[in-house]
Amino acid sequence: MSAPLPPESTSPMVPENDMRTRAKDHLPSVLLTLLSIMQALALELVWDHIHEHDYLYQASWTSVLGWVEIGATLFGVVLIWLIYTSMVMRFRWVPTTADSVFPFIVGIIEFLMIAALGVDRLGLWFIALAVIFGAMTWVSQVTMLRARLDGENDAFFASVSPATPRDFVASIATVTTLAGLGIYLLLSRDQGWFALVALLIATTALAVQFRLNDRYWRRSMGLP
């Protein structure tokens, strides 16, 4: 007599490779949905700040500083969106729980920066911006490390060497400069020419990151 057949499973296991493929397929929509919610809230908070502060509509030095600060903040919000979208459209990687947590971390820091909007809180604003720069550098590096392990990205990484400590010198310098400016403004309460120059430095740092992100995108897409 032959042995009885084992009962059929009512919940068959999905092969691991199918799970990994499914996770990689859904990762872009999940990340961009989370981030779009964060960015929409951030833009709403900035809009509320613009409507609630009358000094922005007066012909004064304070108004100039306020609008430059708001412009830099909006630049930063757009830059975060561009960095994330370019990563998920250029690369595929097996996601971890951290990938779903990173947008919340970045969003919280972003909200703190927006809460610090105001000429009398420039120091806190700069410190929050420095933390965002550091956080985005960390998120980008972690993502690139995982993307390098996935064979679907070999066409890009075949000509790109792994990052070395030297590659982070510019990022460390940017974070240190922004944090240093923030500490000085926090202690001095300066609202004069130094504050304006500091805001222009921050805006320039954001513009440089924008340019670098555009260059990496063009390199990945084979564009001139």
C-alpha atoms as a PDB file:
ATOM      1  CA  MET A   1       0.000   0.000   0.000  1.00  0.00           C
ATOM      2  CA  SER A   2       1.314   3.387  -0.891  1.00  0.00           C
ATOM      3  CA  ALA A   3       1.663   6.091   1.720  1.00  0.00           C
ATOM      4  CA  PRO A   4      -1.188   8.632   1.852  1.00  0.00           C
ATOM      5  CA  LEU A   5      -0.596  11.908   0.068  1.00  0.00           C
ATOM      6  CA  PRO A   6      -0.018  14.928   2.324  1.00  0.00           C
ATOM      7  CA  PRO A   7      -2.925  17.347   2.530  1.00  0.00           C
ATOM      8  CA  GLU A   8      -2.808  20.298   0.167  1.00  0.00           C
ATOM      9  CA  SER A   9      -1.737  23.549   1.747  1.00  0.00           C
ATOM     10  CA  THR A  10      -4.410  26.220   1.868  1.00  0.00           C
ATOM     11  CA  SER A  11      -1.800  28.998   1.882  1.00  0.00           C
ATOM     12  CA  PRO A  12       0.973  28.074  -0.550  1.00  0.00           C
ATOM     13  CA  MET A  13       4.294  29.780  -0.034  1.00  0.00           C
ATOM     14  CA  VAL A  14       5.274  32.339  -2.637  1.00  0.00           C
ATOM     15  CA  PRO A  15       8.850  31.808  -3.893  1.00  0.00           C
ATOM     16  CA  GLU A  16      11.303  34.258  -2.386  1.00  0.00           C
ATOM     17  CA  ASN A  17      12.385  35.616  -5.762  1.00  0.00           C
ATOM     18  CA  ASP A  18       8.752  36.463  -6.580  1.00  0.00           C
ATOM     19  CA  MET A  19       8.430  38.315  -3.274  1.00  0.00           C
ATOM     20  CA  ARG A  20      11.596  40.288  -3.924  1.00  0.00           C
ATOM     21  CA  THR A  21      10.475  41.189  -7.431  1.00  0.00           C
ATOM     22  CA  ARG A  22       7.062  42.259  -6.192  1.00  0.00           C
ATOM     23  CA  ALA A  23       8.616  44.413  -3.459  1.00  0.00           C
ATOM     24  CA  LYS A  24      10.946  46.103  -5.957  1.00  0.00           C
ATOM     25  CA  ASP A  25       8.061  46.713  -8.347  1.00  0.00           C
ATOM     26  CA  HIS A  26       5.922  48.415  -5.687  1.00  0.00           C
ATOM     27  CA  LEU A  27       8.707  50.345  -3.937  1.00  0.00           C
ATOM     28  CA  PRO A  28       8.622  53.471  -6.185  1.00  0.00           C
ATOM     29  CA  SER A  29       4.872  54.019  -5.766  1.00  0.00           C
ATOM     30  CA  VAL A  30       5.035  53.419  -2.001  1.00  0.00           C
ATOM     31  CA  LEU A  31       7.958  55.785  -1.443  1.00  0.00           C
ATOM     32  CA  LEU A  32       6.628  58.514  -3.700  1.00  0.00           C
ATOM     33  CA  THR A  33       3.179  58.294  -2.107  1.00  0.00           C
ATOM     34  CA  LEU A  34       4.654  58.709   1.377  1.00  0.00           C
ATOM     35  CA  LEU A  35       6.916  61.522   0.261  1.00  0.00           C
ATOM     36  CA  SER A  36       4.202  63.346  -1.679  1.00  0.00           C
ATOM     37  CA  ILE A  37       2.068  63.458   1.477  1.00  0.00           C
ATOM     38  CA  MET A  38       4.992  64.901   3.438  1.00  0.00           C
ATOM     39  CA  GLN A  39       5.782  67.480   0.772  1.00  0.00           C
ATOM     40  CA  ALA A  40       2.144  68.534   0.447  1.00  0.00           C
ATOM     41  CA  LEU A  41       1.994  69.144   4.201  1.00  0.00           C
ATOM     42  CA  ALA A  42       5.278  71.040   4.047  1.00  0.00           C
ATOM     43  CA  LEU A  43       4.016  73.325   1.283  1.00  0.00           C
ATOM     44  CA  GLU A  44       0.803  73.942   3.217  1.00  0.00           C
ATOM     45  CA  LEU A  45       2.792  74.960   6.304  1.00  0.00           C
ATOM     46  CA  VAL A  46       4.905  77.362   4.234  1.00  0.00           C
ATOM     47  CA  TRP A  47       1.756  78.835   2.689  1.00  0.00           C
ATOM     48  CA  ASP A  48       0.228  79.314   6.151  1.00  0.00           C
ATOM     49  CA  HIS A  49       3.390  81.114   7.292  1.00  0.00           C
ATOM     50  CA  ILE A  50       3.196  83.466   4.309  1.00  0.00           C
ATOM     51  CA  HIS A  51      -0.435  84.321   5.049  1.00  0.00           C
ATOM     52  CA  GLU A  52      -0.062  84.723   8.806  1.00  0.00           C
ATOM     53  CA  HIS A  53       2.890  87.173   8.928  1.00  0.00           C
ATOM     54  CA  ASP A  54       2.208  90.741   7.864  1.00  0.00           C
ATOM     55  CA  TYR A  55       5.868  91.784   8.006  1.00  0.00           C
ATOM     56  CA  LEU A  56       6.421  89.929   4.719  1.00  0.00           C
ATOM     57  CA  TYR A  57       4.258  92.510   2.923  1.00  0.00           C
ATOM     58  CA  GLN A  58       6.038  95.573   4.279  1.00  0.00           C
ATOM     59  CA  ALA A  59       8.890  97.412   2.568  1.00  0.00           C
ATOM     60  CA  SER A  60      11.579  96.575   5.127  1.00  0.00           C
ATOM     61  CA  TRP A  61      14.862  94.761   5.589  1.00  0.00           C
ATOM     62  CA  THR A  62      13.068  92.157   7.686  1.00  0.00           C
ATOM     63  CA  SER A  63      10.779  91.457   4.754  1.00  0.00           C
ATOM     64  CA  VAL A  64      13.770  90.919   2.454  1.00  0.00           C
ATOM     65  CA  LEU A  65      15.301  88.400   4.856  1.00  0.00           C
ATOM     66  CA  GLY A  66      11.945  86.692   5.310  1.00  0.00           C
ATOM     67  CA  TRP A  67      11.322  86.195   1.599  1.00  0.00           C
ATOM     68  CA  VAL A  68      14.866  84.936   0.944  1.00  0.00           C
ATOM     69  CA  GLU A  69      14.405  82.435   3.770  1.00  0.00           C
ATOM     70  CA  ILE A  70      11.054  81.311   2.357  1.00  0.00           C
ATOM     71  CA  GLY A  71      12.543  80.986  -1.129  1.00  0.00           C
ATOM     72  CA  ALA A  72      15.375  78.806   0.204  1.00  0.00           C
ATOM     73  CA  THR A  73      12.855  76.676   2.102  1.00  0.00           C
ATOM     74  CA  LEU A  74      10.762  76.071  -1.012  1.00  0.00           C
ATOM     75  CA  PHE A  75      13.953  75.280  -2.924  1.00  0.00           C
ATOM     76  CA  GLY A  76      14.787  72.677  -0.293  1.00  0.00           C
ATOM     77  CA  VAL A  77      11.321  71.089  -0.440  1.00  0.00           C
ATOM     78  CA  VAL A  78      11.569  70.719  -4.222  1.00  0.00           C
ATOM     79  CA  LEU A  79      15.131  69.373  -3.975  1.00  0.00           C
ATOM     80  CA  ILE A  80      14.126  66.618  -1.553  1.00  0.00           C
ATOM     81  CA  TRP A  81      11.371  65.567  -3.952  1.00  0.00           C
ATOM     82  CA  LEU A  82      13.804  65.520  -6.902  1.00  0.00           C
ATOM     83  CA  ILE A  83      16.419  63.467  -5.057  1.00  0.00           C
ATOM     84  CA  TYR A  84      13.889  60.835  -4.039  1.00  0.00           C
ATOM     85  CA  THR A  85      12.160  60.629  -7.417  1.00  0.00           C
ATOM     86  CA  SER A  86      15.448  60.370  -9.293  1.00  0.00           C
ATOM     87  CA  MET A  87      16.599  57.518  -7.030  1.00  0.00           C
ATOM     88  CA  VAL A  88      13.467  55.391  -7.413  1.00  0.00           C
ATOM     89  CA  MET A  89      13.298  55.968 -11.173  1.00  0.00           C
ATOM     90  CA  ARG A  90      16.986  55.253 -11.818  1.00  0.00           C
ATOM     91  CA  PHE A  91      17.554  52.216  -9.600  1.00  0.00           C
ATOM     92  CA  ARG A  92      15.872  49.065  -8.353  1.00  0.00           C
ATOM     93  CA  TRP A  93      16.722  47.482  -5.015  1.00  0.00           C
ATOM     94  CA  VAL A  94      15.218  45.130  -2.466  1.00  0.00           C
ATOM     95  CA  PRO A  95      13.545  47.420   0.098  1.00  0.00           C
ATOM     96  CA  THR A  96      13.874  47.162   3.853  1.00  0.00           C
ATOM     97  CA  THR A  97      11.706  48.564   6.607  1.00  0.00           C
ATOM     98  CA  ALA A  98      14.032  51.557   6.776  1.00  0.00           C
ATOM     99  CA  ASP A  99      13.035  52.595   3.246  1.00  0.00           C
ATOM    100  CA  SER A 100       9.485  53.230   4.490  1.00  0.00           C
ATOM    101  CA  VAL A 101      10.742  55.040   7.599  1.00  0.00           C
ATOM    102  CA  PHE A 102      13.200  57.419   5.899  1.00  0.00           C
ATOM    103  CA  PRO A 103      10.475  59.666   4.356  1.00  0.00           C
ATOM    104  CA  PHE A 104       8.941  60.183   7.814  1.00  0.00           C
ATOM    105  CA  ILE A 105      12.300  61.096   9.330  1.00  0.00           C
ATOM    106  CA  VAL A 106      13.037  63.562   6.541  1.00  0.00           C
ATOM    107  CA  GLY A 107       9.491  64.943   6.766  1.00  0.00           C
ATOM    108  CA  ILE A 108       9.730  65.564  10.530  1.00  0.00           C
ATOM    109  CA  ILE A 109      13.019  67.450  10.129  1.00  0.00           C
ATOM    110  CA  GLU A 110      11.492  69.388   7.244  1.00  0.00           C
ATOM    111  CA  PHE A 111       8.512  70.394   9.408  1.00  0.00           C
ATOM    112  CA  LEU A 112      10.889  71.554  12.154  1.00  0.00           C
ATOM    113  CA  MET A 113      12.716  73.741   9.632  1.00  0.00           C
ATOM    114  CA  ILE A 114       9.434  75.269   8.454  1.00  0.00           C
ATOM    115  CA  ALA A 115       8.342  75.807  12.068  1.00  0.00           C
ATOM    116  CA  ALA A 116      11.575  77.796  12.529  1.00  0.00           C
ATOM    117  CA  LEU A 117      10.720  80.184   9.678  1.00  0.00           C
ATOM    118  CA  GLY A 118      11.048  83.787  10.788  1.00  0.00           C
ATOM    119  CA  VAL A 119      13.856  86.299  10.998  1.00  0.00           C
ATOM    120  CA  ASP A 120      13.987  85.972  14.786  1.00  0.00           C
ATOM    121  CA  ARG A 121      14.581  82.210  14.491  1.00  0.00           C
ATOM    122  CA  LEU A 122      17.160  82.114  11.699  1.00  0.00           C
ATOM    123  CA  GLY A 123      19.634  80.178  13.822  1.00  0.00           C
ATOM    124  CA  LEU A 124      17.218  77.301  14.388  1.00  0.00           C
ATOM    125  CA  TRP A 125      16.288  77.334  10.698  1.00  0.00           C
ATOM    126  CA  PHE A 126      19.934  76.931   9.656  1.00  0.00           C
ATOM    127  CA  ILE A 127      20.512  74.106  12.119  1.00  0.00           C
ATOM    128  CA  ALA A 128      17.437  72.259  10.825  1.00  0.00           C
ATOM    129  CA  LEU A 129      18.635  72.769   7.236  1.00  0.00           C
ATOM    130  CA  ALA A 130      22.036  71.345   8.175  1.00  0.00           C
ATOM    131  CA  VAL A 131      20.363  68.269   9.668  1.00  0.00           C
ATOM    132  CA  ILE A 132      18.305  67.804   6.478  1.00  0.00           C
ATOM    133  CA  PHE A 133      21.464  67.973   4.358  1.00  0.00           C
ATOM    134  CA  GLY A 134      23.080  65.324   6.540  1.00  0.00           C
ATOM    135  CA  ALA A 135      19.972  63.122   6.558  1.00  0.00           C
ATOM    136  CA  MET A 136      19.543  63.225   2.777  1.00  0.00           C
ATOM    137  CA  THR A 137      23.239  62.393   2.268  1.00  0.00           C
ATOM    138  CA  TRP A 138      22.839  59.409   4.596  1.00  0.00           C
ATOM    139  CA  VAL A 139      19.623  58.218   2.917  1.00  0.00           C
ATOM    140  CA  SER A 140      21.170  58.556  -0.554  1.00  0.00           C
ATOM    141  CA  GLN A 141      24.283  56.630   0.452  1.00  0.00           C
ATOM    142  CA  VAL A 142      22.334  53.790   2.094  1.00  0.00           C
ATOM    143  CA  THR A 143      20.126  53.536  -0.990  1.00  0.00           C
ATOM    144  CA  MET A 144      23.091  53.498  -3.369  1.00  0.00           C
ATOM    145  CA  LEU A 145      24.767  50.747  -1.356  1.00  0.00           C
ATOM    146  CA  ARG A 146      21.695  48.534  -1.667  1.00  0.00           C
ATOM    147  CA  ALA A 147      21.208  49.421  -5.331  1.00  0.00           C
ATOM    148  CA  ARG A 148      24.819  48.414  -6.056  1.00  0.00           C
ATOM    149  CA  LEU A 149      24.058  44.909  -4.771  1.00  0.00           C
ATOM    150  CA  ASP A 150      21.236  44.452  -7.292  1.00  0.00           C
ATOM    151  CA  GLY A 151      22.322  43.156 -10.678  1.00  0.00           C
ATOM    152  CA  GLU A 152      19.652  45.186 -12.475  1.00  0.00           C
ATOM    153  CA  ASN A 153      21.728  48.307 -11.833  1.00  0.00           C
ATOM    154  CA  ASP A 154      25.014  46.936 -13.181  1.00  0.00           C
ATOM    155  CA  ALA A 155      24.885  49.127 -16.288  1.00  0.00           C
ATOM    156  CA  PHE A 156      25.286  52.201 -14.077  1.00  0.00           C
ATOM    157  CA  PHE A 157      27.585  50.937 -11.346  1.00  0.00           C
ATOM    158  CA  ALA A 158      29.977  49.232 -13.782  1.00  0.00           C
ATOM    159  CA  SER A 159      31.496  52.651 -14.482  1.00  0.00           C
ATOM    160  CA  VAL A 160      31.001  54.149 -11.011  1.00  0.00           C
ATOM    161  CA  SER A 161      33.414  53.302  -8.220  1.00  0.00           C
ATOM    162  CA  PRO A 162      32.135  52.817  -4.646  1.00  0.00           C
ATOM    163  CA  ALA A 163      32.121  55.972  -2.562  1.00  0.00           C
ATOM    164  CA  THR A 164      35.187  56.723  -0.453  1.00  0.00           C
ATOM    165  CA  PRO A 165      35.537  59.092   2.528  1.00  0.00           C
ATOM    166  CA  ARG A 166      36.866  61.734   0.115  1.00  0.00           C
ATOM    167  CA  ASP A 167      33.521  61.747  -1.703  1.00  0.00           C
ATOM    168  CA  PHE A 168      31.803  63.003   1.459  1.00  0.00           C
ATOM    169  CA  VAL A 169      34.142  65.924   2.129  1.00  0.00           C
ATOM    170  CA  ALA A 170      31.876  68.397   0.306  1.00  0.00           C
ATOM    171  CA  SER A 171      28.767  67.166   2.138  1.00  0.00           C
ATOM    172  CA  ILE A 172      30.501  67.316   5.512  1.00  0.00           C
ATOM    173  CA  ALA A 173      31.755  70.822   4.730  1.00  0.00           C
ATOM    174  CA  THR A 174      28.243  71.938   3.744  1.00  0.00           C
ATOM    175  CA  VAL A 175      26.629  70.513   6.883  1.00  0.00           C
ATOM    176  CA  THR A 176      29.363  71.997   9.092  1.00  0.00           C
ATOM    177  CA  THR A 177      29.069  75.423   7.462  1.00  0.00           C
ATOM    178  CA  LEU A 178      25.282  75.540   7.770  1.00  0.00           C
ATOM    179  CA  ALA A 179      25.409  74.357  11.377  1.00  0.00           C
ATOM    180  CA  GLY A 180      28.129  76.900  12.183  1.00  0.00           C
ATOM    181  CA  LEU A 181      26.104  79.732  10.656  1.00  0.00           C
ATOM    182  CA  GLY A 182      23.079  78.568  12.600  1.00  0.00           C
ATOM    183  CA  ILE A 183      24.926  78.529  15.912  1.00  0.00           C
ATOM    184  CA  TYR A 184      26.342  82.001  15.297  1.00  0.00           C
ATOM    185  CA  LEU A 185      22.946  83.438  14.332  1.00  0.00           C
ATOM    186  CA  LEU A 186      21.332  81.724  17.299  1.00  0.00           C
ATOM    187  CA  LEU A 187      23.806  83.330  19.701  1.00  0.00           C
ATOM    188  CA  SER A 188      24.175  86.731  18.043  1.00  0.00           C
ATOM    189  CA  ARG A 189      20.559  87.244  16.895  1.00  0.00           C
ATOM    190  CA  ASP A 190      22.038  89.001  13.865  1.00  0.00           C
ATOM    191  CA  GLN A 191      19.448  90.311  11.410  1.00  0.00           C
ATOM    192  CA  GLY A 192      21.701  92.429   9.251  1.00  0.00           C
ATOM    193  CA  TRP A 193      23.960  91.870   6.273  1.00  0.00           C
ATOM    194  CA  PHE A 194      25.531  88.770   7.791  1.00  0.00           C
ATOM    195  CA  ALA A 195      22.116  87.119   7.982  1.00  0.00           C
ATOM    196  CA  LEU A 196      21.460  87.912   4.318  1.00  0.00           C
ATOM    197  CA  VAL A 197      24.852  86.577   3.230  1.00  0.00           C
ATOM    198  CA  ALA A 198      24.241  83.427   5.269  1.00  0.00           C
ATOM    199  CA  LEU A 199      20.868  82.900   3.576  1.00  0.00           C
ATOM    200  CA  LEU A 200      22.453  83.377   0.161  1.00  0.00           C
ATOM    201  CA  ILE A 201      25.109  80.789   1.087  1.00  0.00           C
ATOM    202  CA  ALA A 202      22.359  78.348   2.035  1.00  0.00           C
ATOM    203  CA  THR A 203      20.527  79.017  -1.227  1.00  0.00           C
ATOM    204  CA  THR A 204      23.750  78.482  -3.174  1.00  0.00           C
ATOM    205  CA  ALA A 205      24.350  75.161  -1.404  1.00  0.00           C
ATOM    206  CA  LEU A 206      20.850  74.051  -2.393  1.00  0.00           C
ATOM    207  CA  ALA A 207      21.449  75.161  -5.994  1.00  0.00           C
ATOM    208  CA  VAL A 208      24.681  73.151  -6.134  1.00  0.00           C
ATOM    209  CA  GLN A 209      22.841  70.047  -4.926  1.00  0.00           C
ATOM    210  CA  PHE A 210      20.171  70.673  -7.536  1.00  0.00           C
ATOM    211  CA  ARG A 211      22.851  70.825 -10.223  1.00  0.00           C
ATOM    212  CA  LEU A 212      24.552  67.649  -8.988  1.00  0.00           C
ATOM    213  CA  ASN A 213      21.261  65.776  -8.954  1.00  0.00           C
ATOM    214  CA  ASP A 214      20.572  66.913 -12.519  1.00  0.00           C
ATOM    215  CA  ARG A 215      24.049  65.793 -13.608  1.00  0.00           C
ATOM    216  CA  TYR A 216      23.613  62.331 -12.069  1.00  0.00           C
ATOM    217  CA  TRP A 217      20.212  62.015 -13.735  1.00  0.00           C
ATOM    218  CA  ARG A 218      21.597  62.911 -17.164  1.00  0.00           C
ATOM    219  CA  ARG A 219      24.479  60.500 -16.693  1.00  0.00           C
ATOM    220  CA  SER A 220      22.108  57.664 -15.798  1.00  0.00           C
ATOM    221  CA  MET A 221      19.783  58.420 -18.721  1.00  0.00           C
ATOM    222  CA  GLY A 222      22.611  58.865 -21.234  1.00  0.00           C
ATOM    223  CA  LEU A 223      21.602  62.465 -21.883  1.00  0.00           C
ATOM    224  CA  PRO A 224      24.096  65.148 -22.997  1.00  0.00           C
END
